Each structure stands twice: as C-alpha cells, then as structure tokens.
N, C-alpha and C. Protein backbone atom coordinates (compact mmCIF):
# COMPACT_ATOMS: atom_id res chain seq x y z
N MET A 1 -158.59 138.51 -259.31
CA MET A 1 -157.88 137.16 -259.62
C MET A 1 -157.61 136.34 -258.24
N GLY A 2 -157.31 135.44 -258.19
CA GLY A 2 -157.24 134.73 -256.91
C GLY A 2 -155.65 134.32 -256.49
N LYS A 3 -155.18 133.38 -255.90
CA LYS A 3 -154.06 133.20 -255.44
C LYS A 3 -152.77 133.37 -256.50
N LYS A 4 -151.80 133.79 -256.08
CA LYS A 4 -150.58 134.17 -257.16
C LYS A 4 -150.08 132.50 -257.12
N ILE A 5 -149.65 132.50 -258.42
CA ILE A 5 -148.80 131.24 -258.85
C ILE A 5 -147.70 131.43 -259.82
N LEU A 6 -146.53 130.88 -259.18
CA LEU A 6 -145.10 131.15 -260.08
C LEU A 6 -144.93 130.04 -260.87
N ILE A 7 -144.59 130.24 -262.08
CA ILE A 7 -144.68 128.95 -263.15
C ILE A 7 -142.89 129.22 -263.54
N VAL A 8 -142.18 128.47 -263.16
CA VAL A 8 -140.86 128.34 -263.64
C VAL A 8 -140.41 127.23 -264.91
N ASP A 9 -140.12 127.64 -266.03
CA ASP A 9 -139.78 126.72 -267.08
C ASP A 9 -139.16 127.52 -268.35
N ASP A 10 -137.90 127.11 -268.82
CA ASP A 10 -137.28 127.72 -269.76
C ASP A 10 -138.04 127.61 -270.96
N SER A 11 -139.44 126.77 -271.54
CA SER A 11 -139.85 126.73 -272.25
C SER A 11 -141.31 127.66 -272.45
N ALA A 12 -140.92 128.72 -273.50
CA ALA A 12 -142.23 129.73 -273.57
C ALA A 12 -143.06 128.94 -273.91
N ALA A 13 -143.32 127.77 -274.73
CA ALA A 13 -144.52 127.27 -275.09
C ALA A 13 -145.55 126.49 -273.57
N GLU A 14 -144.47 125.87 -272.86
CA GLU A 14 -145.00 125.29 -271.60
C GLU A 14 -145.34 126.38 -270.64
N LEU A 15 -144.52 127.50 -270.15
CA LEU A 15 -144.93 128.67 -269.65
C LEU A 15 -146.15 129.43 -270.09
N MET A 16 -146.45 129.34 -271.31
CA MET A 16 -148.04 129.95 -271.93
C MET A 16 -149.06 129.01 -271.62
N GLN A 17 -148.81 127.40 -271.71
CA GLN A 17 -149.76 126.73 -271.80
C GLN A 17 -150.54 126.46 -270.43
N LEU A 18 -149.52 126.28 -269.33
CA LEU A 18 -149.87 126.22 -267.58
C LEU A 18 -150.23 127.85 -267.47
N ARG A 19 -149.97 128.71 -267.95
CA ARG A 19 -150.51 130.45 -267.34
C ARG A 19 -151.99 130.38 -267.82
N SER A 20 -152.03 129.96 -269.18
CA SER A 20 -153.75 130.29 -269.81
C SER A 20 -154.58 129.25 -268.98
N TRP A 21 -154.17 128.00 -268.55
CA TRP A 21 -155.09 127.00 -267.94
C TRP A 21 -155.02 128.01 -266.39
N LEU A 22 -154.16 128.41 -265.83
CA LEU A 22 -154.19 128.77 -264.34
C LEU A 22 -155.44 130.34 -264.53
N HIS A 23 -154.98 131.40 -265.48
CA HIS A 23 -155.83 132.46 -265.76
C HIS A 23 -157.29 132.01 -265.83
N GLU A 24 -157.72 130.82 -266.56
CA GLU A 24 -159.23 130.54 -267.25
C GLU A 24 -159.46 130.08 -265.51
N ALA A 25 -159.14 129.52 -264.88
CA ALA A 25 -159.25 128.61 -263.46
C ALA A 25 -159.49 130.25 -262.50
N GLY A 26 -158.95 131.53 -262.96
CA GLY A 26 -158.74 132.64 -261.85
C GLY A 26 -157.88 133.11 -261.26
N TYR A 27 -156.61 132.19 -261.48
CA TYR A 27 -155.77 132.31 -260.49
C TYR A 27 -154.66 133.41 -261.20
N ASP A 28 -153.81 134.19 -260.57
CA ASP A 28 -152.89 135.29 -260.91
C ASP A 28 -151.40 134.58 -260.90
N THR A 29 -151.17 134.78 -262.23
CA THR A 29 -149.70 134.05 -262.32
C THR A 29 -148.53 135.18 -262.72
N SER A 30 -147.20 134.61 -262.52
CA SER A 30 -146.31 135.01 -262.78
C SER A 30 -145.15 134.07 -263.21
N THR A 31 -144.33 134.46 -264.11
CA THR A 31 -143.47 133.45 -264.59
C THR A 31 -141.83 133.81 -264.38
N ALA A 32 -141.03 132.71 -264.53
CA ALA A 32 -139.55 132.77 -264.61
C ALA A 32 -139.28 131.98 -265.69
N SER A 33 -137.77 131.95 -266.40
CA SER A 33 -137.40 131.25 -267.38
C SER A 33 -136.37 130.21 -266.95
N ASN A 34 -135.68 130.57 -265.62
CA ASN A 34 -134.84 129.61 -265.35
C ASN A 34 -134.92 129.62 -263.64
N GLY A 35 -134.11 128.49 -263.27
CA GLY A 35 -134.27 128.37 -261.48
C GLY A 35 -133.57 129.51 -260.70
N LYS A 36 -132.93 130.48 -261.12
CA LYS A 36 -132.20 131.17 -260.76
C LYS A 36 -133.25 132.20 -260.59
N GLU A 37 -133.87 132.66 -261.31
CA GLU A 37 -134.85 133.71 -261.69
C GLU A 37 -135.95 133.43 -260.83
N GLY A 38 -136.38 132.13 -260.73
CA GLY A 38 -137.58 131.53 -259.94
C GLY A 38 -137.31 131.73 -258.51
N VAL A 39 -136.16 131.38 -258.22
CA VAL A 39 -135.83 131.47 -256.79
C VAL A 39 -135.94 132.92 -256.48
N ALA A 40 -135.46 133.93 -257.12
CA ALA A 40 -135.65 135.33 -256.82
C ALA A 40 -137.13 135.90 -256.94
N LYS A 41 -137.65 135.47 -257.73
CA LYS A 41 -138.84 135.75 -257.60
C LYS A 41 -139.95 135.00 -256.72
N ALA A 42 -139.71 133.85 -256.42
CA ALA A 42 -140.65 133.29 -255.14
C ALA A 42 -140.21 133.92 -253.72
N ILE A 43 -138.89 134.40 -253.69
CA ILE A 43 -138.45 135.14 -252.47
C ILE A 43 -139.25 136.56 -252.33
N ALA A 44 -139.27 137.53 -253.73
CA ALA A 44 -139.65 138.59 -253.70
C ALA A 44 -141.59 138.67 -253.59
N GLU A 45 -142.28 137.37 -254.14
CA GLU A 45 -143.50 137.78 -254.49
C GLU A 45 -144.50 136.54 -253.40
N LEU A 46 -143.59 135.64 -252.87
CA LEU A 46 -144.20 134.51 -251.94
C LEU A 46 -145.38 134.06 -252.52
N PRO A 47 -145.57 133.32 -253.65
CA PRO A 47 -146.65 132.71 -254.17
C PRO A 47 -147.06 131.81 -253.48
N ALA A 48 -148.27 131.44 -253.55
CA ALA A 48 -149.04 130.56 -252.98
C ALA A 48 -148.58 128.98 -253.28
N ILE A 49 -148.10 128.57 -254.70
CA ILE A 49 -147.78 127.42 -255.17
C ILE A 49 -146.60 127.72 -256.49
N ILE A 50 -145.79 126.76 -256.57
CA ILE A 50 -144.77 127.05 -257.38
C ILE A 50 -144.75 125.91 -258.35
N PHE A 51 -145.03 125.90 -259.77
CA PHE A 51 -144.90 124.90 -260.78
C PHE A 51 -143.45 125.13 -261.13
N MET A 52 -142.34 124.08 -260.97
CA MET A 52 -141.26 124.02 -261.41
C MET A 52 -140.40 122.99 -262.48
N ASP A 53 -140.03 123.31 -263.66
CA ASP A 53 -139.68 122.39 -264.49
C ASP A 53 -138.05 121.89 -263.76
N VAL A 54 -137.65 120.94 -264.28
CA VAL A 54 -136.38 120.66 -263.83
C VAL A 54 -135.24 121.07 -264.57
N VAL A 55 -135.10 120.71 -266.17
CA VAL A 55 -133.79 121.04 -266.83
C VAL A 55 -134.19 122.25 -267.39
N MET A 56 -133.14 123.53 -266.82
CA MET A 56 -133.37 124.68 -267.10
C MET A 56 -131.78 125.02 -267.02
N PRO A 57 -131.48 126.51 -267.74
CA PRO A 57 -130.18 126.74 -267.70
C PRO A 57 -130.04 127.46 -266.49
N GLU A 58 -128.88 127.64 -266.22
CA GLU A 58 -128.09 128.63 -264.78
C GLU A 58 -128.64 127.61 -263.79
N THR A 59 -129.53 127.57 -263.17
CA THR A 59 -130.06 126.70 -261.62
C THR A 59 -131.11 125.48 -262.25
N ASP A 60 -130.92 124.39 -262.15
CA ASP A 60 -131.89 123.71 -262.56
C ASP A 60 -133.27 123.38 -261.53
N GLY A 61 -134.27 122.98 -261.79
CA GLY A 61 -135.36 122.81 -260.82
C GLY A 61 -135.41 122.11 -259.48
N TYR A 62 -134.35 121.32 -259.32
CA TYR A 62 -133.98 120.62 -258.09
C TYR A 62 -133.16 121.27 -257.18
N GLU A 63 -132.19 122.22 -257.99
CA GLU A 63 -131.28 122.90 -257.11
C GLU A 63 -132.22 124.10 -256.45
N ALA A 64 -132.99 124.54 -257.50
CA ALA A 64 -134.08 125.66 -256.89
C ALA A 64 -134.79 125.66 -255.90
N CYS A 65 -135.28 124.22 -256.17
CA CYS A 65 -136.17 123.60 -254.71
C CYS A 65 -135.33 123.54 -253.55
N ARG A 66 -133.88 123.07 -253.58
CA ARG A 66 -133.04 122.97 -252.54
C ARG A 66 -133.00 124.36 -251.74
N GLN A 67 -132.96 125.46 -252.62
CA GLN A 67 -132.51 126.95 -252.43
C GLN A 67 -133.91 127.51 -251.56
N LEU A 68 -134.98 127.33 -252.22
CA LEU A 68 -136.22 127.66 -251.86
C LEU A 68 -136.60 126.95 -250.14
N ARG A 69 -136.08 125.59 -250.26
CA ARG A 69 -136.28 124.77 -248.94
C ARG A 69 -135.37 125.50 -247.72
N ALA A 70 -134.44 125.70 -248.36
CA ALA A 70 -133.60 126.55 -247.12
C ALA A 70 -133.69 127.91 -246.77
N ASN A 71 -134.51 128.45 -247.68
CA ASN A 71 -134.80 129.87 -247.18
C ASN A 71 -135.85 130.10 -246.49
N ALA A 72 -135.83 131.00 -245.24
CA ALA A 72 -136.84 130.93 -244.22
C ALA A 72 -137.94 131.59 -244.69
N SER A 73 -138.20 132.15 -245.65
CA SER A 73 -139.43 132.77 -245.90
C SER A 73 -140.12 131.95 -247.06
N THR A 74 -139.36 131.06 -247.74
CA THR A 74 -140.23 130.45 -249.11
C THR A 74 -140.11 128.95 -248.71
N LYS A 75 -139.50 128.35 -247.38
CA LYS A 75 -139.63 127.21 -247.04
C LYS A 75 -141.01 126.33 -246.96
N GLY A 76 -141.81 127.25 -247.10
CA GLY A 76 -143.22 126.27 -246.72
C GLY A 76 -144.19 126.39 -248.01
N ILE A 77 -143.62 127.13 -249.17
CA ILE A 77 -144.27 127.39 -250.26
C ILE A 77 -144.72 125.95 -250.60
N PRO A 78 -145.48 125.39 -251.35
CA PRO A 78 -145.51 124.01 -252.04
C PRO A 78 -145.08 124.11 -253.18
N ILE A 79 -144.40 123.12 -253.80
CA ILE A 79 -143.58 123.07 -255.11
C ILE A 79 -143.58 121.75 -255.83
N VAL A 80 -144.54 122.24 -257.00
CA VAL A 80 -144.98 120.78 -258.15
C VAL A 80 -143.88 120.90 -259.16
N ILE A 81 -143.20 120.10 -259.24
CA ILE A 81 -142.00 119.53 -260.46
C ILE A 81 -143.09 119.02 -261.57
N VAL A 82 -142.59 119.98 -262.77
CA VAL A 82 -143.36 119.43 -264.12
C VAL A 82 -142.38 119.17 -265.07
N SER A 83 -142.21 117.84 -265.02
CA SER A 83 -140.85 117.66 -266.06
C SER A 83 -141.34 116.31 -266.74
N SER A 84 -140.40 116.32 -268.24
CA SER A 84 -140.35 115.14 -268.97
C SER A 84 -139.66 113.85 -268.05
N LYS A 85 -138.76 114.02 -267.02
CA LYS A 85 -138.46 113.34 -266.49
C LYS A 85 -139.48 112.73 -265.24
N SER A 86 -140.16 111.86 -265.36
CA SER A 86 -141.30 111.57 -264.59
C SER A 86 -141.40 109.97 -264.23
N GLN A 87 -140.36 109.20 -264.17
CA GLN A 87 -140.19 107.93 -263.69
C GLN A 87 -140.26 108.08 -262.17
N LYS A 88 -140.45 106.76 -261.60
CA LYS A 88 -140.55 106.55 -260.42
C LYS A 88 -139.02 107.14 -259.55
N ALA A 89 -138.00 106.88 -259.92
CA ALA A 89 -136.81 107.36 -259.42
C ALA A 89 -136.99 108.87 -259.55
N ASP A 90 -137.39 109.50 -260.44
CA ASP A 90 -137.49 111.02 -260.77
C ASP A 90 -138.61 111.43 -259.47
N GLN A 91 -139.52 110.72 -259.20
CA GLN A 91 -140.47 111.14 -258.47
C GLN A 91 -140.06 111.21 -256.79
N LEU A 92 -139.38 110.06 -256.75
CA LEU A 92 -138.62 110.19 -255.49
C LEU A 92 -137.51 111.12 -255.14
N TRP A 93 -136.85 111.29 -256.18
CA TRP A 93 -135.71 112.22 -256.34
C TRP A 93 -136.51 113.64 -255.88
N ALA A 94 -137.40 113.99 -256.74
CA ALA A 94 -138.31 115.42 -256.53
C ALA A 94 -138.56 115.53 -255.14
N SER A 95 -139.14 114.32 -254.37
CA SER A 95 -139.94 114.54 -253.22
C SER A 95 -138.76 114.59 -252.39
N MET A 96 -137.47 114.24 -252.49
CA MET A 96 -136.52 114.38 -251.48
C MET A 96 -135.94 115.64 -251.84
N GLN A 97 -136.10 116.57 -252.75
CA GLN A 97 -135.47 117.78 -253.13
C GLN A 97 -136.82 118.84 -252.21
N GLY A 98 -137.80 118.10 -251.78
CA GLY A 98 -138.50 119.29 -251.26
C GLY A 98 -140.20 119.14 -251.93
N ALA A 99 -140.21 118.67 -253.12
CA ALA A 99 -141.33 118.98 -254.01
C ALA A 99 -142.59 118.04 -253.35
N LYS A 100 -143.72 118.63 -253.64
CA LYS A 100 -145.05 117.77 -253.01
C LYS A 100 -145.62 116.74 -254.25
N GLN A 101 -145.30 117.15 -255.39
CA GLN A 101 -145.59 116.37 -256.26
C GLN A 101 -144.81 116.54 -257.63
N LEU A 102 -144.84 115.56 -258.74
CA LEU A 102 -144.34 115.62 -259.89
C LEU A 102 -145.34 115.27 -260.74
N ILE A 103 -145.43 116.32 -261.75
CA ILE A 103 -146.18 115.94 -262.75
C ILE A 103 -145.63 115.97 -264.09
N GLY A 104 -145.77 114.78 -264.84
CA GLY A 104 -145.19 114.59 -266.38
C GLY A 104 -145.41 115.38 -267.23
N LYS A 105 -144.47 115.67 -268.20
CA LYS A 105 -144.84 116.55 -269.36
C LYS A 105 -145.12 115.52 -270.75
N PRO A 106 -145.94 116.14 -271.26
CA PRO A 106 -146.78 117.03 -271.16
C PRO A 106 -147.79 117.36 -270.13
N PRO A 107 -147.88 118.13 -269.38
CA PRO A 107 -148.98 118.00 -268.29
C PRO A 107 -150.41 117.96 -268.54
N LYS A 108 -151.30 117.40 -267.94
CA LYS A 108 -152.55 117.74 -268.20
C LYS A 108 -153.29 118.91 -267.34
N LYS A 109 -154.24 119.47 -267.84
CA LYS A 109 -154.97 120.67 -267.21
C LYS A 109 -155.38 120.01 -266.00
N GLU A 110 -156.20 118.93 -266.07
CA GLU A 110 -156.70 118.40 -264.55
C GLU A 110 -155.81 118.40 -263.46
N ASP A 111 -154.59 117.76 -264.01
CA ASP A 111 -153.49 117.31 -263.04
C ASP A 111 -152.80 118.95 -262.66
N VAL A 112 -152.62 119.79 -263.30
CA VAL A 112 -152.48 121.12 -263.00
C VAL A 112 -153.48 121.99 -261.76
N LEU A 113 -154.46 121.79 -261.99
CA LEU A 113 -155.45 122.61 -261.36
C LEU A 113 -155.50 121.80 -259.87
N ALA A 114 -155.52 120.49 -260.26
CA ALA A 114 -155.73 119.34 -258.82
C ALA A 114 -154.61 119.77 -257.98
N ALA A 115 -153.64 119.92 -258.51
CA ALA A 115 -152.34 120.16 -257.50
C ALA A 115 -152.42 121.61 -256.93
N VAL A 116 -153.10 122.60 -257.41
CA VAL A 116 -153.44 123.90 -256.91
C VAL A 116 -154.47 123.94 -255.89
N LYS A 117 -155.54 122.86 -256.19
CA LYS A 117 -156.48 122.78 -255.21
C LYS A 117 -156.12 122.01 -253.84
N ALA A 118 -154.92 121.09 -254.10
CA ALA A 118 -154.54 120.23 -253.02
C ALA A 118 -153.41 120.80 -252.19
N PHE A 119 -152.78 121.73 -253.11
CA PHE A 119 -151.33 122.56 -251.93
C PHE A 119 -151.46 123.68 -251.67
N ALA A 120 -152.18 124.65 -252.69
CA ALA A 120 -152.06 126.26 -252.23
C ALA A 120 -153.04 126.54 -251.51
C-alpha cells in the first residue's frame, strides 16, 4: 500500500465510497466518524492527506481544520474538504480554515484521486 490517507465523515456510505476508490488506487486509509476523532487520528497517524466532511457531530470539519492547523505536528498535512456545502462562499471559508481544496458532494472519483496526486 502507498501513502496513508485519513477520511473523516459521519456518513458510513461516504466513508466506504472514498475508501474503496483510494484502496483501488493503492493507498492505505484510515477513517474517523467525527472531527474530534479525526483530529486525534491525524495526530497519532500523521497521514499524507486528510479528506474532511464539514457537517459532523461533536466537532465540525472547519473546527477540526483549525485544530489541525494549530498543532505543530499536523499543521503541514494537506486537508481537502468534501462537503455538500460547495458554493463560492463555502470554498473561500474552507480556504480560510486552512483547507487546500473543497470537493462538492457527491464527490467524483477523478477529483478525489487528483487531490491526492496534487497535495499528498
């Protein structure tokens, strides 16, 4: 397996979809079902890239982004937001929180794999 990729989403279906695409492409994946768990896993595993949903229980994706940017060990990990909130304002806000890119839901396989190639 290749680079480790963390996927953070409270939707089991979204997690499975992204995970299957990334496994097919030869990547090792780890998952978390909310932002709080995602931050903890990112600190423990230091993945090459993180795919992060926005609307999640406990800690949303934007807050998780800010926490990861504030942590010395995770501040350099590229984060790609994957969200149904994908208007221009959402893309700007995602960028302001430290995300490299925002991919709208439902994501396209080629967009996910292109983000890994570009940032990981």
